[in-house]
Amino acid sequence: MTLHREHRRVITFECDSCGLTLESGEGDFIDALRVLKSRGWEARKLDEEWNHFCVDCAHRQVWGR
């Protein structure tokens, strides 16, 4: 799982596949997760760890590209 708390404690997600970042503008994790999903990103649990994928990488994961 890759997420960062930037200045003002804003949560920024990083795609675990390509490294693209998404600044949520939120300090609360649940609110930040809502932003992530509303932008087409996905959070998936792989084995015991949560991973975050941008729109393009989530699509490639599903279709194997």
N, C-alpha and C. Protein backbone atom coordinates (compact mmCIF):
# COMPACT_ATOMS: atom_id res chain seq x y z
N MET A 1 0.85 -1.17 0.00
CA MET A 1 0.00 0.00 0.00
C MET A 1 0.89 1.22 0.00
N THR A 2 0.63 2.09 -0.93
CA THR A 2 1.42 3.30 -0.98
C THR A 2 0.51 4.50 -0.89
N LEU A 3 0.61 5.18 0.24
CA LEU A 3 -0.08 6.46 0.38
C LEU A 3 0.81 7.34 1.22
N HIS A 4 0.69 8.63 1.02
CA HIS A 4 1.52 9.60 1.70
C HIS A 4 0.63 10.67 2.31
N ARG A 5 1.06 11.21 3.43
CA ARG A 5 0.39 12.36 4.01
C ARG A 5 1.28 13.56 3.75
N GLU A 6 0.85 14.41 2.85
CA GLU A 6 1.63 15.58 2.48
C GLU A 6 1.37 16.72 3.48
N HIS A 7 1.86 17.89 3.13
CA HIS A 7 1.64 19.07 3.97
C HIS A 7 0.16 19.19 4.33
N ARG A 8 -0.12 19.72 5.46
CA ARG A 8 -1.49 19.85 5.98
C ARG A 8 -2.15 18.49 6.16
N ARG A 9 -1.37 17.41 6.16
CA ARG A 9 -1.88 16.06 6.39
C ARG A 9 -2.86 15.59 5.33
N VAL A 10 -2.69 16.08 4.11
CA VAL A 10 -3.51 15.66 2.98
C VAL A 10 -3.01 14.30 2.49
N ILE A 11 -3.92 13.38 2.24
CA ILE A 11 -3.54 12.04 1.80
C ILE A 11 -3.37 12.01 0.29
N THR A 12 -2.21 11.50 -0.13
CA THR A 12 -1.89 11.32 -1.54
C THR A 12 -1.65 9.84 -1.79
N PHE A 13 -2.33 9.28 -2.76
CA PHE A 13 -2.15 7.88 -3.13
C PHE A 13 -1.14 7.79 -4.25
N GLU A 14 -0.41 6.69 -4.28
CA GLU A 14 0.53 6.41 -5.36
C GLU A 14 0.17 5.07 -5.98
N CYS A 15 0.06 5.03 -7.29
CA CYS A 15 -0.25 3.79 -7.99
C CYS A 15 0.88 2.79 -7.73
N ASP A 16 0.52 1.61 -7.26
CA ASP A 16 1.52 0.60 -6.96
C ASP A 16 2.08 -0.07 -8.21
N SER A 17 1.57 0.29 -9.37
CA SER A 17 2.08 -0.27 -10.61
C SER A 17 3.00 0.71 -11.34
N CYS A 18 2.52 1.94 -11.57
CA CYS A 18 3.29 2.89 -12.39
C CYS A 18 3.86 4.07 -11.62
N GLY A 19 3.41 4.30 -10.38
CA GLY A 19 3.94 5.40 -9.58
C GLY A 19 3.21 6.72 -9.73
N LEU A 20 2.17 6.78 -10.57
CA LEU A 20 1.37 7.99 -10.71
C LEU A 20 0.76 8.33 -9.35
N THR A 21 0.65 9.61 -9.03
CA THR A 21 0.07 10.00 -7.74
C THR A 21 -1.27 10.70 -7.91
N LEU A 22 -2.07 10.60 -6.88
CA LEU A 22 -3.38 11.27 -6.83
C LEU A 22 -3.50 11.93 -5.46
N GLU A 23 -3.49 13.27 -5.43
CA GLU A 23 -3.68 14.00 -4.19
C GLU A 23 -5.18 14.09 -3.95
N SER A 24 -5.61 13.55 -2.83
CA SER A 24 -7.05 13.47 -2.54
C SER A 24 -7.63 14.82 -2.10
N GLY A 25 -6.81 15.67 -1.50
CA GLY A 25 -7.33 16.91 -0.93
C GLY A 25 -7.99 16.69 0.42
N GLU A 26 -7.94 15.47 0.91
CA GLU A 26 -8.59 15.10 2.17
C GLU A 26 -7.56 14.65 3.20
N GLY A 27 -7.88 14.86 4.46
CA GLY A 27 -7.03 14.41 5.55
C GLY A 27 -7.55 13.15 6.20
N ASP A 28 -8.82 12.87 6.02
CA ASP A 28 -9.45 11.68 6.58
C ASP A 28 -9.35 10.55 5.55
N PHE A 29 -8.93 9.34 5.99
CA PHE A 29 -8.70 8.25 5.06
C PHE A 29 -9.97 7.84 4.31
N ILE A 30 -11.10 7.74 4.99
CA ILE A 30 -12.35 7.32 4.34
C ILE A 30 -12.75 8.33 3.26
N ASP A 31 -12.63 9.61 3.55
CA ASP A 31 -12.93 10.63 2.55
C ASP A 31 -11.95 10.56 1.38
N ALA A 32 -10.67 10.32 1.68
CA ALA A 32 -9.66 10.20 0.63
C ALA A 32 -9.95 8.99 -0.26
N LEU A 33 -10.38 7.89 0.34
CA LEU A 33 -10.72 6.69 -0.42
C LEU A 33 -11.91 6.94 -1.34
N ARG A 34 -12.86 7.73 -0.89
CA ARG A 34 -14.00 8.10 -1.75
C ARG A 34 -13.53 8.87 -2.98
N VAL A 35 -12.59 9.78 -2.77
CA VAL A 35 -12.03 10.56 -3.89
C VAL A 35 -11.32 9.61 -4.84
N LEU A 36 -10.52 8.71 -4.30
CA LEU A 36 -9.79 7.74 -5.12
C LEU A 36 -10.74 6.98 -6.03
N LYS A 37 -11.81 6.46 -5.46
CA LYS A 37 -12.77 5.68 -6.24
C LYS A 37 -13.54 6.54 -7.23
N SER A 38 -13.85 7.78 -6.85
CA SER A 38 -14.59 8.66 -7.76
C SER A 38 -13.76 9.06 -8.98
N ARG A 39 -12.44 8.97 -8.87
CA ARG A 39 -11.55 9.28 -9.98
C ARG A 39 -11.22 8.05 -10.82
N GLY A 40 -11.85 6.91 -10.50
CA GLY A 40 -11.65 5.70 -11.29
C GLY A 40 -10.49 4.83 -10.83
N TRP A 41 -9.83 5.22 -9.76
CA TRP A 41 -8.76 4.41 -9.21
C TRP A 41 -9.38 3.23 -8.46
N GLU A 42 -8.57 2.20 -8.19
CA GLU A 42 -9.05 1.04 -7.45
C GLU A 42 -8.10 0.70 -6.31
N ALA A 43 -8.66 0.19 -5.24
CA ALA A 43 -7.89 -0.35 -4.12
C ALA A 43 -8.20 -1.85 -4.08
N ARG A 44 -7.14 -2.65 -4.13
CA ARG A 44 -7.32 -4.11 -4.13
C ARG A 44 -6.39 -4.73 -3.11
N LYS A 45 -6.91 -5.73 -2.41
CA LYS A 45 -6.08 -6.45 -1.46
C LYS A 45 -5.45 -7.63 -2.18
N LEU A 46 -4.13 -7.62 -2.27
CA LEU A 46 -3.37 -8.69 -2.89
C LEU A 46 -2.56 -9.37 -1.79
N ASP A 47 -2.86 -10.62 -1.55
CA ASP A 47 -2.31 -11.36 -0.40
C ASP A 47 -2.74 -10.63 0.88
N GLU A 48 -1.81 -10.11 1.62
CA GLU A 48 -2.15 -9.44 2.88
C GLU A 48 -2.01 -7.92 2.81
N GLU A 49 -1.76 -7.38 1.63
CA GLU A 49 -1.48 -5.96 1.50
C GLU A 49 -2.43 -5.28 0.53
N TRP A 50 -2.88 -4.07 0.90
CA TRP A 50 -3.72 -3.27 0.02
C TRP A 50 -2.85 -2.56 -1.00
N ASN A 51 -3.29 -2.57 -2.26
CA ASN A 51 -2.61 -1.89 -3.34
C ASN A 51 -3.57 -0.93 -4.01
N HIS A 52 -3.01 0.15 -4.54
CA HIS A 52 -3.82 1.17 -5.22
C HIS A 52 -3.37 1.24 -6.67
N PHE A 53 -4.35 1.32 -7.58
CA PHE A 53 -4.05 1.35 -9.01
C PHE A 53 -4.79 2.50 -9.68
N CYS A 54 -4.06 3.25 -10.51
CA CYS A 54 -4.67 4.32 -11.29
C CYS A 54 -5.61 3.69 -12.33
N VAL A 55 -6.34 4.51 -13.03
CA VAL A 55 -7.33 4.03 -14.00
C VAL A 55 -6.67 3.12 -15.04
N ASP A 56 -5.57 3.56 -15.62
CA ASP A 56 -4.91 2.78 -16.67
C ASP A 56 -4.38 1.45 -16.15
N CYS A 57 -3.73 1.47 -15.01
CA CYS A 57 -3.15 0.24 -14.47
C CYS A 57 -4.22 -0.72 -13.97
N ALA A 58 -5.30 -0.19 -13.43
CA ALA A 58 -6.41 -1.05 -13.00
C ALA A 58 -6.99 -1.77 -14.21
N HIS A 59 -7.11 -1.06 -15.32
CA HIS A 59 -7.63 -1.64 -16.55
C HIS A 59 -6.69 -2.73 -17.07
N ARG A 60 -5.38 -2.46 -17.03
CA ARG A 60 -4.39 -3.45 -17.48
C ARG A 60 -4.40 -4.68 -16.59
N GLN A 61 -4.62 -4.50 -15.29
CA GLN A 61 -4.66 -5.64 -14.36
C GLN A 61 -5.81 -6.57 -14.72
N VAL A 62 -6.96 -5.99 -15.06
CA VAL A 62 -8.13 -6.79 -15.38
C VAL A 62 -7.95 -7.51 -16.71
N TRP A 63 -7.41 -6.82 -17.69
CA TRP A 63 -7.31 -7.37 -19.04
C TRP A 63 -5.95 -7.99 -19.34
N GLY A 64 -5.04 -7.94 -18.38
CA GLY A 64 -3.74 -8.58 -18.56
C GLY A 64 -2.83 -7.92 -19.57
N ARG A 65 -2.96 -6.63 -19.73
CA ARG A 65 -2.11 -5.90 -20.69
C ARG A 65 -0.92 -5.30 -19.99
